[in-house]
PDB file of N, CA and C in Angstrom:
ATOM      1  N   UNK A   1      15.934   6.415  -2.810  1.00  0.00           N
ATOM      2  CA  UNK A   1      16.615   6.643  -1.551  1.00  0.00           C
ATOM      3  C   UNK A   1      18.098   6.900  -1.735  1.00  0.00           C
ATOM      4  N   UNK A   2      18.601   6.726  -2.910  1.00  0.00           N
ATOM      5  CA  UNK A   2      20.022   6.923  -3.113  1.00  0.00           C
ATOM      6  C   UNK A   2      20.761   5.607  -3.083  1.00  0.00           C
ATOM      7  N   UNK A   3      22.031   5.690  -3.415  1.00  0.00           N
ATOM      8  CA  UNK A   3      22.823   4.464  -3.417  1.00  0.00           C
ATOM      9  C   UNK A   3      23.278   4.122  -2.000  1.00  0.00           C
ATOM     10  N   UNK A   4      23.724   2.893  -1.783  1.00  0.00           N
ATOM     11  CA  UNK A   4      24.094   2.471  -0.428  1.00  0.00           C
ATOM     12  C   UNK A   4      25.174   3.343   0.220  1.00  0.00           C
ATOM     13  N   UNK A   5      26.147   3.776  -0.549  1.00  0.00           N
ATOM     14  CA  UNK A   5      27.210   4.605   0.020  1.00  0.00           C
ATOM     15  C   UNK A   5      26.639   5.921   0.555  1.00  0.00           C
ATOM     16  N   UNK A   6      25.744   6.531  -0.211  1.00  0.00           N
ATOM     17  CA  UNK A   6      25.109   7.773   0.241  1.00  0.00           C
ATOM     18  C   UNK A   6      24.265   7.543   1.484  1.00  0.00           C
ATOM     19  N   UNK A   7      23.580   6.414   1.536  1.00  0.00           N
ATOM     20  CA  UNK A   7      22.746   6.092   2.694  1.00  0.00           C
ATOM     21  C   UNK A   7      23.602   5.903   3.948  1.00  0.00           C
ATOM     22  N   UNK A   8      24.739   5.229   3.797  1.00  0.00           N
ATOM     23  CA  UNK A   8      25.631   5.012   4.944  1.00  0.00           C
ATOM     24  C   UNK A   8      26.214   6.339   5.415  1.00  0.00           C
ATOM     25  N   UNK A   9      26.611   7.189   4.483  1.00  0.00           N
ATOM     26  CA  UNK A   9      27.147   8.497   4.864  1.00  0.00           C
ATOM     27  C   UNK A   9      26.103   9.313   5.614  1.00  0.00           C
ATOM     28  N   UNK A  10      24.863   9.285   5.145  1.00  0.00           N
ATOM     29  CA  UNK A  10      23.795  10.012   5.820  1.00  0.00           C
ATOM     30  C   UNK A  10      23.553   9.440   7.213  1.00  0.00           C
ATOM     31  N   UNK A  11      23.588   8.117   7.320  1.00  0.00           N
ATOM     32  CA  UNK A  11      23.410   7.466   8.613  1.00  0.00           C
ATOM     33  C   UNK A  11      24.498   7.890   9.590  1.00  0.00           C
ATOM     34  N   UNK A  12      25.738   7.874   9.135  1.00  0.00           N
ATOM     35  CA  UNK A  12      26.854   8.244  10.006  1.00  0.00           C
ATOM     36  C   UNK A  12      26.748   9.687  10.477  1.00  0.00           C
ATOM     37  N   UNK A  13      26.229  10.554   9.630  1.00  0.00           N
ATOM     38  CA  UNK A  13      26.060  11.955  10.018  1.00  0.00           C
ATOM     39  C   UNK A  13      25.025  12.112  11.123  1.00  0.00           C
ATOM     40  N   UNK A  14      24.046  11.220  11.164  1.00  0.00           N
ATOM     41  CA  UNK A  14      22.960  11.316  12.145  1.00  0.00           C
ATOM     42  C   UNK A  14      23.340  10.725  13.497  1.00  0.00           C
ATOM     43  N   UNK A  15      24.315   9.818  13.514  1.00  0.00           N
ATOM     44  CA  UNK A  15      24.699   9.167  14.760  1.00  0.00           C
ATOM     45  C   UNK A  15      25.519  10.111  15.631  1.00  0.00           C
ATOM     46  N   UNK A  16      25.438   9.941  16.948  1.00  0.00           N
ATOM     47  CA  UNK A  16      26.254  10.787  17.833  1.00  0.00           C
ATOM     48  C   UNK A  16      27.747  10.475  17.663  1.00  0.00           C
ATOM     49  N   UNK A  17      28.562  11.419  18.038  1.00  0.00           N
ATOM     50  CA  UNK A  17      30.016  11.272  17.886  1.00  0.00           C
ATOM     51  C   UNK A  17      30.576  10.094  18.679  1.00  0.00           C
ATOM     52  N   UNK A  18      29.925   9.738  19.774  1.00  0.00           N
ATOM     53  CA  UNK A  18      30.436   8.643  20.607  1.00  0.00           C
ATOM     54  C   UNK A  18      29.824   7.286  20.246  1.00  0.00           C
ATOM     55  N   UNK A  19      29.242   7.172  19.049  1.00  0.00           N
ATOM     56  CA  UNK A  19      28.641   5.902  18.620  1.00  0.00           C
ATOM     57  C   UNK A  19      29.725   4.829  18.529  1.00  0.00           C
ATOM     58  N   UNK A  20      29.409   3.661  19.032  1.00  0.00           N
ATOM     59  CA  UNK A  20      30.359   2.546  18.990  1.00  0.00           C
ATOM     60  C   UNK A  20      30.228   1.796  17.667  1.00  0.00           C
ATOM     61  N   UNK A  21      31.181   0.886  17.418  1.00  0.00           N
ATOM     62  CA  UNK A  21      31.085   0.038  16.233  1.00  0.00           C
ATOM     63  C   UNK A  21      29.785  -0.762  16.262  1.00  0.00           C
ATOM     64  N   UNK A  22      29.407  -1.221  17.451  1.00  0.00           N
ATOM     65  CA  UNK A  22      28.178  -1.993  17.590  1.00  0.00           C
ATOM     66  C   UNK A  22      26.956  -1.150  17.246  1.00  0.00           C
ATOM     67  N   UNK A  23      26.952   0.110  17.666  1.00  0.00           N
ATOM     68  CA  UNK A  23      25.855   1.019  17.322  1.00  0.00           C
ATOM     69  C   UNK A  23      25.749   1.176  15.809  1.00  0.00           C
ATOM     70  N   UNK A  24      26.887   1.381  15.171  1.00  0.00           N
ATOM     71  CA  UNK A  24      26.914   1.568  13.721  1.00  0.00           C
ATOM     72  C   UNK A  24      26.432   0.303  13.019  1.00  0.00           C
ATOM     73  N   UNK A  25      26.931  -0.854  13.462  1.00  0.00           N
ATOM     74  CA  UNK A  25      26.518  -2.119  12.851  1.00  0.00           C
ATOM     75  C   UNK A  25      25.021  -2.347  13.014  1.00  0.00           C
ATOM     76  N   UNK A  26      24.480  -2.037  14.173  1.00  0.00           N
ATOM     77  CA  UNK A  26      23.048  -2.213  14.412  1.00  0.00           C
ATOM     78  C   UNK A  26      22.239  -1.321  13.471  1.00  0.00           C
ATOM     79  N   UNK A  27      22.618  -0.057  13.354  1.00  0.00           N
ATOM     80  CA  UNK A  27      21.887   0.859  12.487  1.00  0.00           C
ATOM     81  C   UNK A  27      21.995   0.447  11.023  1.00  0.00           C
ATOM     82  N   UNK A  28      23.140  -0.073  10.612  1.00  0.00           N
ATOM     83  CA  UNK A  28      23.279  -0.582   9.244  1.00  0.00           C
ATOM     84  C   UNK A  28      22.382  -1.797   9.027  1.00  0.00           C
ATOM     85  N   UNK A  29      22.315  -2.658  10.026  1.00  0.00           N
ATOM     86  CA  UNK A  29      21.449  -3.842   9.960  1.00  0.00           C
ATOM     87  C   UNK A  29      19.989  -3.427   9.790  1.00  0.00           C
ATOM     88  N   UNK A  30      19.549  -2.473  10.597  1.00  0.00           N
ATOM     89  CA  UNK A  30      18.164  -2.003  10.525  1.00  0.00           C
ATOM     90  C   UNK A  30      17.903  -1.344   9.175  1.00  0.00           C
ATOM     91  N   UNK A  31      18.834  -0.518   8.708  1.00  0.00           N
ATOM     92  CA  UNK A  31      18.681   0.127   7.407  1.00  0.00           C
ATOM     93  C   UNK A  31      18.522  -0.903   6.298  1.00  0.00           C
ATOM     94  N   UNK A  32      19.340  -1.959   6.329  1.00  0.00           N
ATOM     95  CA  UNK A  32      19.241  -3.011   5.319  1.00  0.00           C
ATOM     96  C   UNK A  32      17.895  -3.725   5.390  1.00  0.00           C
ATOM     97  N   UNK A  33      17.435  -4.048   6.598  1.00  0.00           N
ATOM     98  CA  UNK A  33      16.154  -4.744   6.746  1.00  0.00           C
ATOM     99  C   UNK A  33      14.992  -3.879   6.255  1.00  0.00           C
ATOM    100  N   UNK A  34      15.030  -2.597   6.529  1.00  0.00           N
ATOM    101  CA  UNK A  34      13.974  -1.703   6.059  1.00  0.00           C
ATOM    102  C   UNK A  34      13.991  -1.651   4.536  1.00  0.00           C
ATOM    103  N   UNK A  35      15.188  -1.531   3.947  1.00  0.00           N
ATOM    104  CA  UNK A  35      15.293  -1.501   2.490  1.00  0.00           C
ATOM    105  C   UNK A  35      14.738  -2.782   1.878  1.00  0.00           C
ATOM    106  N   UNK A  36      15.093  -3.923   2.441  1.00  0.00           N
ATOM    107  CA  UNK A  36      14.581  -5.203   1.934  1.00  0.00           C
ATOM    108  C   UNK A  36      13.063  -5.275   2.052  1.00  0.00           C
ATOM    109  N   UNK A  37      12.529  -4.791   3.163  1.00  0.00           N
ATOM    110  CA  UNK A  37      11.083  -4.793   3.362  1.00  0.00           C
ATOM    111  C   UNK A  37      10.364  -3.918   2.352  1.00  0.00           C
ATOM    112  N   UNK A  38      10.932  -2.748   2.069  1.00  0.00           N
ATOM    113  CA  UNK A  38      10.333  -1.858   1.090  1.00  0.00           C
ATOM    114  C   UNK A  38      10.369  -2.465  -0.311  1.00  0.00           C
ATOM    115  N   UNK A  39      11.489  -3.081  -0.661  1.00  0.00           N
ATOM    116  CA  UNK A  39      11.580  -3.740  -1.967  1.00  0.00           C
ATOM    117  C   UNK A  39      10.592  -4.893  -2.072  1.00  0.00           C
ATOM    118  N   UNK A  40      10.454  -5.657  -0.990  1.00  0.00           N
ATOM    119  CA  UNK A  40       9.514  -6.779  -0.993  1.00  0.00           C
ATOM    120  C   UNK A  40       8.079  -6.274  -1.112  1.00  0.00           C
ATOM    121  N   UNK A  41       7.770  -5.197  -0.414  1.00  0.00           N
ATOM    122  CA  UNK A  41       6.420  -4.627  -0.506  1.00  0.00           C
ATOM    123  C   UNK A  41       6.127  -4.162  -1.924  1.00  0.00           C
ATOM    124  N   UNK A  42       7.120  -3.588  -2.582  1.00  0.00           N
ATOM    125  CA  UNK A  42       6.937  -3.147  -3.974  1.00  0.00           C
ATOM    126  C   UNK A  42       6.722  -4.329  -4.907  1.00  0.00           C
ATOM    127  N   UNK A  43       7.480  -5.399  -4.688  1.00  0.00           N
ATOM    128  CA  UNK A  43       7.404  -6.530  -5.619  1.00  0.00           C
ATOM    129  C   UNK A  43       6.243  -7.478  -5.318  1.00  0.00           C
ATOM    130  N   UNK A  44       5.917  -7.673  -4.041  1.00  0.00           N
ATOM    131  CA  UNK A  44       4.897  -8.650  -3.661  1.00  0.00           C
ATOM    132  C   UNK A  44       3.591  -8.020  -3.201  1.00  0.00           C
ATOM    133  N   UNK A  45       3.597  -6.729  -2.971  1.00  0.00           N
ATOM    134  CA  UNK A  45       2.396  -6.058  -2.485  1.00  0.00           C
ATOM    135  C   UNK A  45       2.339  -6.049  -0.961  1.00  0.00           C
ATOM    136  N   UNK A  46       1.322  -5.422  -0.467  1.00  0.00           N
ATOM    137  CA  UNK A  46       1.136  -5.302   0.977  1.00  0.00           C
ATOM    138  C   UNK A  46      -0.243  -5.798   1.368  1.00  0.00           C
ATOM    139  N   UNK A  47      -0.506  -5.824   2.652  1.00  0.00           N
ATOM    140  CA  UNK A  47      -1.782  -6.280   3.202  1.00  0.00           C
ATOM    141  C   UNK A  47      -2.441  -5.083   3.890  1.00  0.00           C
ATOM    142  N   UNK A  48      -3.725  -4.921   3.694  1.00  0.00           N
ATOM    143  CA  UNK A  48      -4.466  -3.851   4.358  1.00  0.00           C
ATOM    144  C   UNK A  48      -4.436  -4.058   5.871  1.00  0.00           C
ATOM    145  N   UNK A  49      -4.556  -2.971   6.603  1.00  0.00           N
ATOM    146  CA  UNK A  49      -4.486  -3.011   8.063  1.00  0.00           C
ATOM    147  C   UNK A  49      -5.528  -3.961   8.669  1.00  0.00           C
ATOM    148  N   UNK A  50      -6.748  -3.876   8.192  1.00  0.00           N
ATOM    149  CA  UNK A  50      -7.821  -4.723   8.728  1.00  0.00           C
ATOM    150  C   UNK A  50      -7.519  -6.203   8.495  1.00  0.00           C
ATOM    151  N   UNK A  51      -6.990  -6.535   7.324  1.00  0.00           N
ATOM    152  CA  UNK A  51      -6.656  -7.929   7.042  1.00  0.00           C
ATOM    153  C   UNK A  51      -5.508  -8.400   7.938  1.00  0.00           C
ATOM    154  N   UNK A  52      -4.521  -7.546   8.141  1.00  0.00           N
ATOM    155  CA  UNK A  52      -3.397  -7.901   9.016  1.00  0.00           C
ATOM    156  C   UNK A  52      -3.889  -8.130  10.446  1.00  0.00           C
ATOM    157  N   UNK A  53      -4.813  -7.281  10.912  1.00  0.00           N
ATOM    158  CA  UNK A  53      -5.387  -7.457  12.245  1.00  0.00           C
ATOM    159  C   UNK A  53      -6.116  -8.777  12.351  1.00  0.00           C
ATOM    160  N   UNK A  54      -6.868  -9.126  11.313  1.00  0.00           N
ATOM    161  CA  UNK A  54      -7.589 -10.395  11.314  1.00  0.00           C
ATOM    162  C   UNK A  54      -6.656 -11.592  11.339  1.00  0.00           C
ATOM    163  N   UNK A  55      -5.606 -11.518  10.556  1.00  0.00           N
ATOM    164  CA  UNK A  55      -4.626 -12.600  10.537  1.00  0.00           C
ATOM    165  C   UNK A  55      -3.949 -12.744  11.892  1.00  0.00           C
ATOM    166  N   UNK A  56      -3.555 -11.621  12.470  1.00  0.00           N
ATOM    167  CA  UNK A  56      -2.871 -11.655  13.754  1.00  0.00           C
ATOM    168  C   UNK A  56      -3.818 -12.168  14.829  1.00  0.00           C
ATOM    169  N   UNK A  57      -5.070 -11.749  14.789  1.00  0.00           N
ATOM    170  CA  UNK A  57      -6.059 -12.209  15.771  1.00  0.00           C
ATOM    171  C   UNK A  57      -6.236 -13.702  15.732  1.00  0.00           C
ATOM    172  N   UNK A  58      -6.289 -14.270  14.534  1.00  0.00           N
ATOM    173  CA  UNK A  58      -6.422 -15.725  14.386  1.00  0.00           C
ATOM    174  C   UNK A  58      -5.189 -16.435  14.928  1.00  0.00           C
ATOM    175  N   UNK A  59      -4.016 -15.858  14.681  1.00  0.00           N
ATOM    176  CA  UNK A  59      -2.763 -16.458  15.144  1.00  0.00           C
ATOM    177  C   UNK A  59      -2.677 -16.416  16.665  1.00  0.00           C
ATOM    178  N   UNK A  60      -3.078 -15.294  17.247  1.00  0.00           N
ATOM    179  CA  UNK A  60      -3.001 -15.157  18.694  1.00  0.00           C
ATOM    180  C   UNK A  60      -4.038 -16.029  19.405  1.00  0.00           C
ATOM    181  N   UNK A  61      -5.156 -16.297  18.748  1.00  0.00           N
ATOM    182  CA  UNK A  61      -6.205 -17.117  19.342  1.00  0.00           C
ATOM    183  C   UNK A  61      -5.813 -18.601  19.399  1.00  0.00           C
ATOM    184  N   UNK A  62      -4.870 -18.997  18.557  1.00  0.00           N
ATOM    185  CA  UNK A  62      -4.459 -20.423  18.509  1.00  0.00           C
ATOM    186  C   UNK A  62      -3.712 -20.848  19.740  1.00  0.00           C
TER     187      UNK A  62
END
């Protein structure tokens, strides 16, 4: 995905000209969380859709 500086520059290019500091901070927060999630999925693996549905169903039934 590139280095963080490149990712931030790309993000800023996509935001509208009237984006506030809060808008920028929110998008940076989301970008960081997505990156962390992708790294975690690579290192720890993922769960199949059917298994996730089963887990969620059990949780919601409680």
